[in-house]
Amino acid sequence: MGRSLLQVHTELSRDSTVTLAQLAPWAREREVDTVVVTEHYEHIGHATDWRAHQDRATVISEEHGLTILLGVEVETNEGLHVLLLPRDRDLTPLPVIPDRPTLDILRQATKDRWLLILAHASRYLRLVTVHVHDIQRHLDGMEVWNAKYDGWFPSPRAIAVFAEIKSHQPDFIALAGVDMHRFGRPVVWCEHAGDFLQAVCNGKITLRSHFYRWSAPNLPADVGSGLLIGARFGNELYRGSRHLYRLIRNTGTLLSKIGRVK
């Protein structure tokens, strides 16, 4: 089975400390076959930056036996974040997109060359529910699981929204993203047979972490099931552990400063 990481940000996104050169060996150590890099669109200065980034990705891919796919993340006028994933492995020119486009304009600008995936849906579920009909008409899928915002388990509420959309749009895709800007976040991945992009288009993706596995074919039985109730508890446990870690770290820093003053 192939293992892919979605929504990784590197040096071209100004809020990331990860470089392509660091990313490749890190991914191979974790038996990752494909990394989908989605840079912030507004951080890409010029088309030449994009072409140079593509060239670096190609060289590093060949050196490490890793597939690196380049996409972008766009913020829309509705306040949603959308990932643009290339539909094939060819080097795709950067689309020309106006600042904060509507979902309709974004779909027209990308035509048939890009898959449009709603990013970290659990971050703004209120907006998602308000625009659910536009999402259904203009997007190809959504992240029901984002490591940065959901942690070790998928978001039960995001899965419920996904189930509603999928009941009207059977080919709507569920994905998991790491939303990685630096090393060390809990890793979730997409597991699939064969090529990642082909598996995405076919909807044959299993979402995995070290603690949980979920796939869209389990709908609708999974919605409201004990497994997802467990996922909700797990997410709260994850968030609590992060708060506890920060408390311990900040307390240690404070005690260190007090010791130096004395």
C-alpha atoms as a PDB file:
ATOM      1  CA  MET A   1       0.000   0.000   0.000  1.00  0.00           C
ATOM      2  CA  GLY A   2       1.169   3.528  -0.808  1.00  0.00           C
ATOM      3  CA  ARG A   3       1.452   6.197   1.882  1.00  0.00           C
ATOM      4  CA  SER A   4       0.973   9.886   1.040  1.00  0.00           C
ATOM      5  CA  LEU A   5       1.137  13.135   3.007  1.00  0.00           C
ATOM      6  CA  LEU A   6      -1.194  15.957   2.001  1.00  0.00           C
ATOM      7  CA  GLN A   7      -0.902  19.709   2.661  1.00  0.00           C
ATOM      8  CA  VAL A   8       2.760  20.231   3.460  1.00  0.00           C
ATOM      9  CA  HIS A   9       4.138  23.791   3.357  1.00  0.00           C
ATOM     10  CA  THR A  10       7.807  24.494   2.583  1.00  0.00           C
ATOM     11  CA  GLU A  11      10.104  27.500   2.234  1.00  0.00           C
ATOM     12  CA  LEU A  12       7.994  29.089  -0.511  1.00  0.00           C
ATOM     13  CA  SER A  13       5.258  29.599   2.101  1.00  0.00           C
ATOM     14  CA  ARG A  14       6.655  32.299   4.359  1.00  0.00           C
ATOM     15  CA  ASP A  15       5.123  30.783   7.513  1.00  0.00           C
ATOM     16  CA  SER A  16       6.952  27.453   7.118  1.00  0.00           C
ATOM     17  CA  THR A  17      10.395  26.440   8.390  1.00  0.00           C
ATOM     18  CA  VAL A  18      10.474  23.211   6.325  1.00  0.00           C
ATOM     19  CA  THR A  19      12.651  23.007   3.205  1.00  0.00           C
ATOM     20  CA  LEU A  20      12.258  20.567   0.329  1.00  0.00           C
ATOM     21  CA  ALA A  21      15.763  19.249   1.031  1.00  0.00           C
ATOM     22  CA  GLN A  22      14.818  18.455   4.663  1.00  0.00           C
ATOM     23  CA  LEU A  23      11.389  17.125   3.782  1.00  0.00           C
ATOM     24  CA  ALA A  24      12.473  14.338   1.429  1.00  0.00           C
ATOM     25  CA  PRO A  25      14.645  12.290   3.851  1.00  0.00           C
ATOM     26  CA  TRP A  26      12.184  12.937   6.695  1.00  0.00           C
ATOM     27  CA  ALA A  27       9.360  11.514   4.568  1.00  0.00           C
ATOM     28  CA  ARG A  28      11.351   8.498   3.373  1.00  0.00           C
ATOM     29  CA  GLU A  29      12.252   7.604   6.983  1.00  0.00           C
ATOM     30  CA  ARG A  30       8.501   7.366   7.594  1.00  0.00           C
ATOM     31  CA  GLU A  31       7.935   5.165   4.527  1.00  0.00           C
ATOM     32  CA  VAL A  32       6.071   7.920   2.690  1.00  0.00           C
ATOM     33  CA  ASP A  33       5.884   7.489  -1.102  1.00  0.00           C
ATOM     34  CA  THR A  34       4.201  10.778  -2.094  1.00  0.00           C
ATOM     35  CA  VAL A  35       4.231  14.251  -0.553  1.00  0.00           C
ATOM     36  CA  VAL A  36       1.700  16.824  -1.753  1.00  0.00           C
ATOM     37  CA  VAL A  37       3.147  20.294  -1.140  1.00  0.00           C
ATOM     38  CA  THR A  38       0.522  23.063  -1.118  1.00  0.00           C
ATOM     39  CA  GLU A  39       2.141  26.490  -0.826  1.00  0.00           C
ATOM     40  CA  HIS A  40       0.118  29.550   0.170  1.00  0.00           C
ATOM     41  CA  TYR A  41      -0.852  31.192  -3.118  1.00  0.00           C
ATOM     42  CA  GLU A  42      -0.409  34.728  -1.773  1.00  0.00           C
ATOM     43  CA  HIS A  43       3.175  33.915  -0.703  1.00  0.00           C
ATOM     44  CA  ILE A  44       4.297  32.930  -4.205  1.00  0.00           C
ATOM     45  CA  GLY A  45       5.985  36.068  -5.499  1.00  0.00           C
ATOM     46  CA  HIS A  46       6.202  35.400  -9.215  1.00  0.00           C
ATOM     47  CA  ALA A  47       5.699  32.630 -11.744  1.00  0.00           C
ATOM     48  CA  THR A  48       9.486  32.212 -11.976  1.00  0.00           C
ATOM     49  CA  ASP A  49       9.516  31.319  -8.233  1.00  0.00           C
ATOM     50  CA  TRP A  50       6.989  28.588  -8.977  1.00  0.00           C
ATOM     51  CA  ARG A  51       8.987  27.184 -11.890  1.00  0.00           C
ATOM     52  CA  ALA A  52      12.197  27.186  -9.828  1.00  0.00           C
ATOM     53  CA  HIS A  53      10.310  25.425  -7.006  1.00  0.00           C
ATOM     54  CA  GLN A  54       9.087  22.793  -9.476  1.00  0.00           C
ATOM     55  CA  ASP A  55      12.646  22.250 -10.721  1.00  0.00           C
ATOM     56  CA  ARG A  56      13.969  21.800  -7.150  1.00  0.00           C
ATOM     57  CA  ALA A  57      11.154  19.373  -6.349  1.00  0.00           C
ATOM     58  CA  THR A  58      11.944  17.317  -9.462  1.00  0.00           C
ATOM     59  CA  VAL A  59      15.644  17.041  -8.578  1.00  0.00           C
ATOM     60  CA  ILE A  60      14.988  16.152  -4.934  1.00  0.00           C
ATOM     61  CA  SER A  61      12.301  13.618  -5.938  1.00  0.00           C
ATOM     62  CA  GLU A  62      14.786  11.778  -8.153  1.00  0.00           C
ATOM     63  CA  GLU A  63      17.534  11.862  -5.507  1.00  0.00           C
ATOM     64  CA  HIS A  64      15.354  10.286  -2.796  1.00  0.00           C
ATOM     65  CA  GLY A  65      12.961   8.099  -4.814  1.00  0.00           C
ATOM     66  CA  LEU A  66      10.034  10.174  -3.576  1.00  0.00           C
ATOM     67  CA  THR A  67       7.131  11.688  -5.509  1.00  0.00           C
ATOM     68  CA  ILE A  68       6.643  15.378  -4.705  1.00  0.00           C
ATOM     69  CA  LEU A  69       3.466  16.916  -6.130  1.00  0.00           C
ATOM     70  CA  LEU A  70       3.131  20.700  -6.069  1.00  0.00           C
ATOM     71  CA  GLY A  71      -0.178  22.438  -5.454  1.00  0.00           C
ATOM     72  CA  VAL A  72      -1.334  25.645  -3.763  1.00  0.00           C
ATOM     73  CA  GLU A  73      -3.648  26.777  -0.970  1.00  0.00           C
ATOM     74  CA  VAL A  74      -6.015  29.655  -1.754  1.00  0.00           C
ATOM     75  CA  GLU A  75      -8.207  31.692   0.590  1.00  0.00           C
ATOM     76  CA  THR A  76     -11.575  32.466  -0.986  1.00  0.00           C
ATOM     77  CA  ASN A  77     -13.902  35.435  -0.642  1.00  0.00           C
ATOM     78  CA  GLU A  78     -16.141  33.258   1.535  1.00  0.00           C
ATOM     79  CA  GLY A  79     -13.300  32.871   4.057  1.00  0.00           C
ATOM     80  CA  LEU A  80     -12.652  29.226   3.166  1.00  0.00           C
ATOM     81  CA  HIS A  81      -9.251  27.729   2.357  1.00  0.00           C
ATOM     82  CA  VAL A  82      -9.087  25.535  -0.747  1.00  0.00           C
ATOM     83  CA  LEU A  83      -6.255  23.237  -1.833  1.00  0.00           C
ATOM     84  CA  LEU A  84      -5.520  23.033  -5.554  1.00  0.00           C
ATOM     85  CA  LEU A  85      -4.086  19.602  -6.385  1.00  0.00           C
ATOM     86  CA  PRO A  86      -2.830  18.775  -9.888  1.00  0.00           C
ATOM     87  CA  ARG A  87      -4.899  16.106 -11.628  1.00  0.00           C
ATOM     88  CA  ASP A  88      -1.772  14.433 -13.031  1.00  0.00           C
ATOM     89  CA  ARG A  89       1.962  14.273 -12.414  1.00  0.00           C
ATOM     90  CA  ASP A  90       2.869  16.702 -15.201  1.00  0.00           C
ATOM     91  CA  LEU A  91       4.340  20.050 -14.141  1.00  0.00           C
ATOM     92  CA  THR A  92       1.230  22.222 -14.086  1.00  0.00           C
ATOM     93  CA  PRO A  93       1.545  25.985 -14.721  1.00  0.00           C
ATOM     94  CA  LEU A  94       0.460  28.134 -11.804  1.00  0.00           C
ATOM     95  CA  PRO A  95      -3.140  29.281 -12.416  1.00  0.00           C
ATOM     96  CA  VAL A  96      -3.844  33.011 -12.512  1.00  0.00           C
ATOM     97  CA  ILE A  97      -6.250  33.648  -9.625  1.00  0.00           C
ATOM     98  CA  PRO A  98      -7.548  37.019  -8.379  1.00  0.00           C
ATOM     99  CA  ASP A  99      -7.102  37.968  -4.733  1.00  0.00           C
ATOM    100  CA  ARG A 100      -9.676  36.149  -2.544  1.00  0.00           C
ATOM    101  CA  PRO A 101     -11.772  34.701  -5.392  1.00  0.00           C
ATOM    102  CA  THR A 102     -15.261  33.312  -4.896  1.00  0.00           C
ATOM    103  CA  LEU A 103     -15.619  29.533  -5.174  1.00  0.00           C
ATOM    104  CA  ASP A 104     -17.250  30.038  -8.561  1.00  0.00           C
ATOM    105  CA  ILE A 105     -14.355  32.151  -9.920  1.00  0.00           C
ATOM    106  CA  LEU A 106     -11.830  29.703  -8.459  1.00  0.00           C
ATOM    107  CA  ARG A 107     -13.448  26.788 -10.286  1.00  0.00           C
ATOM    108  CA  GLN A 108     -13.492  28.721 -13.571  1.00  0.00           C
ATOM    109  CA  ALA A 109      -9.831  29.770 -13.207  1.00  0.00           C
ATOM    110  CA  THR A 110      -8.623  26.227 -12.578  1.00  0.00           C
ATOM    111  CA  LYS A 111     -10.843  24.594 -15.228  1.00  0.00           C
ATOM    112  CA  ASP A 112     -10.176  20.855 -15.469  1.00  0.00           C
ATOM    113  CA  ARG A 113      -6.473  20.828 -14.546  1.00  0.00           C
ATOM    114  CA  TRP A 114      -6.843  20.983 -10.763  1.00  0.00           C
ATOM    115  CA  LEU A 115      -8.752  19.152  -8.042  1.00  0.00           C
ATOM    116  CA  LEU A 116     -10.289  21.575  -5.527  1.00  0.00           C
ATOM    117  CA  ILE A 117     -10.234  20.285  -1.932  1.00  0.00           C
ATOM    118  CA  LEU A 118     -11.639  22.176   1.067  1.00  0.00           C
ATOM    119  CA  ALA A 119      -8.826  22.438   3.640  1.00  0.00           C
ATOM    120  CA  HIS A 120      -9.138  21.901   7.433  1.00  0.00           C
ATOM    121  CA  ALA A 121     -12.954  21.979   7.399  1.00  0.00           C
ATOM    122  CA  SER A 122     -13.211  21.595  11.181  1.00  0.00           C
ATOM    123  CA  ARG A 123     -11.455  24.964  11.600  1.00  0.00           C
ATOM    124  CA  TYR A 124     -14.521  26.841  10.321  1.00  0.00           C
ATOM    125  CA  LEU A 125     -17.475  24.469  10.324  1.00  0.00           C
ATOM    126  CA  ARG A 126     -19.959  27.336  10.683  1.00  0.00           C
ATOM    127  CA  LEU A 127     -18.761  28.802   7.370  1.00  0.00           C
ATOM    128  CA  VAL A 128     -18.784  25.343   5.811  1.00  0.00           C
ATOM    129  CA  THR A 129     -22.424  24.770   6.730  1.00  0.00           C
ATOM    130  CA  VAL A 130     -23.384  28.236   5.427  1.00  0.00           C
ATOM    131  CA  HIS A 131     -21.716  27.588   2.064  1.00  0.00           C
ATOM    132  CA  VAL A 132     -22.342  23.839   1.869  1.00  0.00           C
ATOM    133  CA  HIS A 133     -24.309  24.091  -1.406  1.00  0.00           C
ATOM    134  CA  ASP A 134     -21.542  26.129  -3.104  1.00  0.00           C
ATOM    135  CA  ILE A 135     -18.967  23.667  -1.803  1.00  0.00           C
ATOM    136  CA  GLN A 136     -21.000  20.804  -3.223  1.00  0.00           C
ATOM    137  CA  ARG A 137     -21.237  22.494  -6.658  1.00  0.00           C
ATOM    138  CA  HIS A 138     -17.681  23.793  -7.037  1.00  0.00           C
ATOM    139  CA  LEU A 139     -15.337  21.545  -5.035  1.00  0.00           C
ATOM    140  CA  ASP A 140     -14.174  17.952  -5.524  1.00  0.00           C
ATOM    141  CA  GLY A 141     -13.667  17.017  -1.878  1.00  0.00           C
ATOM    142  CA  MET A 142     -12.735  18.097   1.644  1.00  0.00           C
ATOM    143  CA  GLU A 143     -10.344  17.340   4.467  1.00  0.00           C
ATOM    144  CA  VAL A 144     -12.358  15.590   7.154  1.00  0.00           C
ATOM    145  CA  TRP A 145      -9.164  15.141   9.151  1.00  0.00           C
ATOM    146  CA  ASN A 146      -6.439  17.742   9.660  1.00  0.00           C
ATOM    147  CA  ALA A 147      -3.540  16.970  11.985  1.00  0.00           C
ATOM    148  CA  LYS A 148      -3.091  20.602  13.039  1.00  0.00           C
ATOM    149  CA  TYR A 149      -6.713  21.192  14.045  1.00  0.00           C
ATOM    150  CA  ASP A 150      -8.027  17.676  14.760  1.00  0.00           C
ATOM    151  CA  GLY A 151      -5.022  15.795  16.089  1.00  0.00           C
ATOM    152  CA  TRP A 152      -4.947  12.014  16.306  1.00  0.00           C
ATOM    153  CA  PHE A 153      -8.506  11.398  15.062  1.00  0.00           C
ATOM    154  CA  PRO A 154     -10.804  12.758  12.327  1.00  0.00           C
ATOM    155  CA  SER A 155     -13.405  15.408  13.126  1.00  0.00           C
ATOM    156  CA  PRO A 156     -16.818  13.722  13.652  1.00  0.00           C
ATOM    157  CA  ARG A 157     -18.624  16.969  12.723  1.00  0.00           C
ATOM    158  CA  ALA A 158     -16.591  17.327   9.515  1.00  0.00           C
ATOM    159  CA  ILE A 159     -17.426  13.724   8.626  1.00  0.00           C
ATOM    160  CA  ALA A 160     -21.127  14.464   9.211  1.00  0.00           C
ATOM    161  CA  VAL A 161     -20.919  17.421   6.781  1.00  0.00           C
ATOM    162  CA  PHE A 162     -19.007  15.252   4.312  1.00  0.00           C
ATOM    163  CA  ALA A 163     -21.706  12.570   4.548  1.00  0.00           C
ATOM    164  CA  GLU A 164     -24.400  15.152   3.757  1.00  0.00           C
ATOM    165  CA  ILE A 165     -22.518  16.396   0.681  1.00  0.00           C
ATOM    166  CA  LYS A 166     -21.675  12.877  -0.493  1.00  0.00           C
ATOM    167  CA  SER A 167     -25.343  11.900  -0.378  1.00  0.00           C
ATOM    168  CA  HIS A 168     -25.907  14.478  -3.153  1.00  0.00           C
ATOM    169  CA  GLN A 169     -22.506  14.180  -4.880  1.00  0.00           C
ATOM    170  CA  PRO A 170     -21.365  10.528  -4.822  1.00  0.00           C
ATOM    171  CA  ASP A 171     -17.869  11.250  -6.171  1.00  0.00           C
ATOM    172  CA  PHE A 172     -17.055  13.806  -3.407  1.00  0.00           C
ATOM    173  CA  ILE A 173     -13.660  12.940  -1.860  1.00  0.00           C
ATOM    174  CA  ALA A 174     -12.614  12.666   1.822  1.00  0.00           C
ATOM    175  CA  LEU A 175      -8.940  13.329   2.588  1.00  0.00           C
ATOM    176  CA  ALA A 176      -6.609  13.844   5.545  1.00  0.00           C
ATOM    177  CA  GLY A 177      -3.969  16.582   5.688  1.00  0.00           C
ATOM    178  CA  VAL A 178      -0.969  17.145   7.948  1.00  0.00           C
ATOM    179  CA  ASP A 179      -1.032  20.965   7.453  1.00  0.00           C
ATOM    180  CA  MET A 180       2.680  20.872   8.209  1.00  0.00           C
ATOM    181  CA  HIS A 181       4.687  24.094   8.605  1.00  0.00           C
ATOM    182  CA  ARG A 182       7.380  22.583  10.811  1.00  0.00           C
ATOM    183  CA  PHE A 183       8.464  19.108  11.866  1.00  0.00           C
ATOM    184  CA  GLY A 184       6.959  17.474  14.937  1.00  0.00           C
ATOM    185  CA  ARG A 185       3.174  17.595  14.457  1.00  0.00           C
ATOM    186  CA  PRO A 186       1.190  14.346  14.803  1.00  0.00           C
ATOM    187  CA  VAL A 187       1.281  12.677  11.421  1.00  0.00           C
ATOM    188  CA  VAL A 188      -1.788  11.478   9.550  1.00  0.00           C
ATOM    189  CA  TRP A 189      -1.555  10.050   6.090  1.00  0.00           C
ATOM    190  CA  CYS A 190      -3.558   8.783   3.134  1.00  0.00           C
ATOM    191  CA  GLU A 191      -3.160   5.080   2.387  1.00  0.00           C
ATOM    192  CA  HIS A 192      -3.945   3.759  -1.075  1.00  0.00           C
ATOM    193  CA  ALA A 193      -3.058   1.239  -3.754  1.00  0.00           C
ATOM    194  CA  GLY A 194      -1.048   2.498  -6.718  1.00  0.00           C
ATOM    195  CA  ASP A 195      -0.767   6.145  -7.702  1.00  0.00           C
ATOM    196  CA  PHE A 196      -2.011   8.735  -5.185  1.00  0.00           C
ATOM    197  CA  LEU A 197      -3.762  11.019  -7.687  1.00  0.00           C
ATOM    198  CA  GLN A 198      -5.485   8.105  -9.380  1.00  0.00           C
ATOM    199  CA  ALA A 199      -6.622   6.775  -6.004  1.00  0.00           C
ATOM    200  CA  VAL A 200      -7.971  10.223  -5.084  1.00  0.00           C
ATOM    201  CA  CYS A 201      -9.926  10.489  -8.336  1.00  0.00           C
ATOM    202  CA  ASN A 202     -11.328   6.981  -7.751  1.00  0.00           C
ATOM    203  CA  GLY A 203     -12.175   7.736  -4.117  1.00  0.00           C
ATOM    204  CA  LYS A 204     -10.201   4.700  -2.939  1.00  0.00           C
ATOM    205  CA  ILE A 205      -8.341   6.289  -0.034  1.00  0.00           C
ATOM    206  CA  THR A 206      -8.006   5.178   3.581  1.00  0.00           C
ATOM    207  CA  LEU A 207      -7.174   7.878   6.140  1.00  0.00           C
ATOM    208  CA  ARG A 208      -4.713   6.740   8.803  1.00  0.00           C
ATOM    209  CA  SER A 209      -2.830   7.716  11.909  1.00  0.00           C
ATOM    210  CA  HIS A 210      -1.013   5.489  14.383  1.00  0.00           C
ATOM    211  CA  PHE A 211      -4.230   5.361  16.436  1.00  0.00           C
ATOM    212  CA  TYR A 212      -7.107   5.312  13.956  1.00  0.00           C
ATOM    213  CA  ARG A 213      -8.131   4.403  10.417  1.00  0.00           C
ATOM    214  CA  TRP A 214     -11.174   5.547   8.442  1.00  0.00           C
ATOM    215  CA  SER A 215     -12.390   5.429   4.855  1.00  0.00           C
ATOM    216  CA  ALA A 216     -15.361   7.034   3.099  1.00  0.00           C
ATOM    217  CA  PRO A 217     -16.933   3.686   2.023  1.00  0.00           C
ATOM    218  CA  ASN A 218     -17.822   3.187   5.714  1.00  0.00           C
ATOM    219  CA  LEU A 219     -20.495   5.877   5.367  1.00  0.00           C
ATOM    220  CA  PRO A 220     -23.202   6.232   6.520  1.00  0.00           C
ATOM    221  CA  ALA A 221     -22.765   3.592   9.233  1.00  0.00           C
ATOM    222  CA  ASP A 222     -19.826   5.472  10.769  1.00  0.00           C
ATOM    223  CA  VAL A 223     -21.716   8.725  11.317  1.00  0.00           C
ATOM    224  CA  GLY A 224     -22.692   8.884  14.983  1.00  0.00           C
ATOM    225  CA  SER A 225     -21.167   5.472  15.637  1.00  0.00           C
ATOM    226  CA  GLY A 226     -19.197   4.482  18.685  1.00  0.00           C
ATOM    227  CA  LEU A 227     -16.003   4.763  16.652  1.00  0.00           C
ATOM    228  CA  LEU A 228     -16.575   8.448  15.971  1.00  0.00           C
ATOM    229  CA  ILE A 229     -17.694   9.081  19.539  1.00  0.00           C
ATOM    230  CA  GLY A 230     -14.335   7.598  20.475  1.00  0.00           C
ATOM    231  CA  ALA A 231     -12.676   9.894  17.936  1.00  0.00           C
ATOM    232  CA  ARG A 232     -14.279  12.932  19.561  1.00  0.00           C
ATOM    233  CA  PHE A 233     -12.985  11.830  22.962  1.00  0.00           C
ATOM    234  CA  GLY A 234      -9.556  11.221  21.438  1.00  0.00           C
ATOM    235  CA  ASN A 235      -9.450  14.706  19.936  1.00  0.00           C
ATOM    236  CA  GLU A 236     -10.304  16.271  23.290  1.00  0.00           C
ATOM    237  CA  LEU A 237      -7.552  14.179  24.891  1.00  0.00           C
ATOM    238  CA  TYR A 238      -5.113  15.382  22.219  1.00  0.00           C
ATOM    239  CA  ARG A 239      -6.032  19.042  22.760  1.00  0.00           C
ATOM    240  CA  GLY A 240      -5.755  18.593  26.517  1.00  0.00           C
ATOM    241  CA  SER A 241      -2.289  17.056  26.164  1.00  0.00           C
ATOM    242  CA  ARG A 242      -1.160  20.045  24.080  1.00  0.00           C
ATOM    243  CA  HIS A 243      -2.394  22.475  26.743  1.00  0.00           C
ATOM    244  CA  LEU A 244      -0.650  20.450  29.460  1.00  0.00           C
ATOM    245  CA  TYR A 245       2.581  20.406  27.452  1.00  0.00           C
ATOM    246  CA  ARG A 246       2.474  24.195  26.982  1.00  0.00           C
ATOM    247  CA  LEU A 247       1.728  24.693  30.697  1.00  0.00           C
ATOM    248  CA  ILE A 248       4.723  22.545  31.712  1.00  0.00           C
ATOM    249  CA  ARG A 249       6.976  24.271  29.166  1.00  0.00           C
ATOM    250  CA  ASN A 250       5.926  27.774  30.191  1.00  0.00           C
ATOM    251  CA  THR A 251       6.262  26.926  33.896  1.00  0.00           C
ATOM    252  CA  GLY A 252       9.775  25.627  33.268  1.00  0.00           C
ATOM    253  CA  THR A 253      10.691  28.798  31.375  1.00  0.00           C
ATOM    254  CA  LEU A 254       9.307  30.983  34.173  1.00  0.00           C
ATOM    255  CA  LEU A 255      11.191  29.055  36.889  1.00  0.00           C
ATOM    256  CA  SER A 256      14.373  29.323  34.836  1.00  0.00           C
ATOM    257  CA  LYS A 257      13.985  33.102  34.589  1.00  0.00           C
ATOM    258  CA  ILE A 258      13.288  33.370  38.345  1.00  0.00           C
ATOM    259  CA  GLY A 259      16.414  31.320  39.042  1.00  0.00           C
ATOM    260  CA  ARG A 260      18.552  33.603  36.873  1.00  0.00           C
ATOM    261  CA  VAL A 261      17.184  36.732  38.628  1.00  0.00           C
ATOM    262  CA  LYS A 262      18.144  35.315  42.014  1.00  0.00           C
END
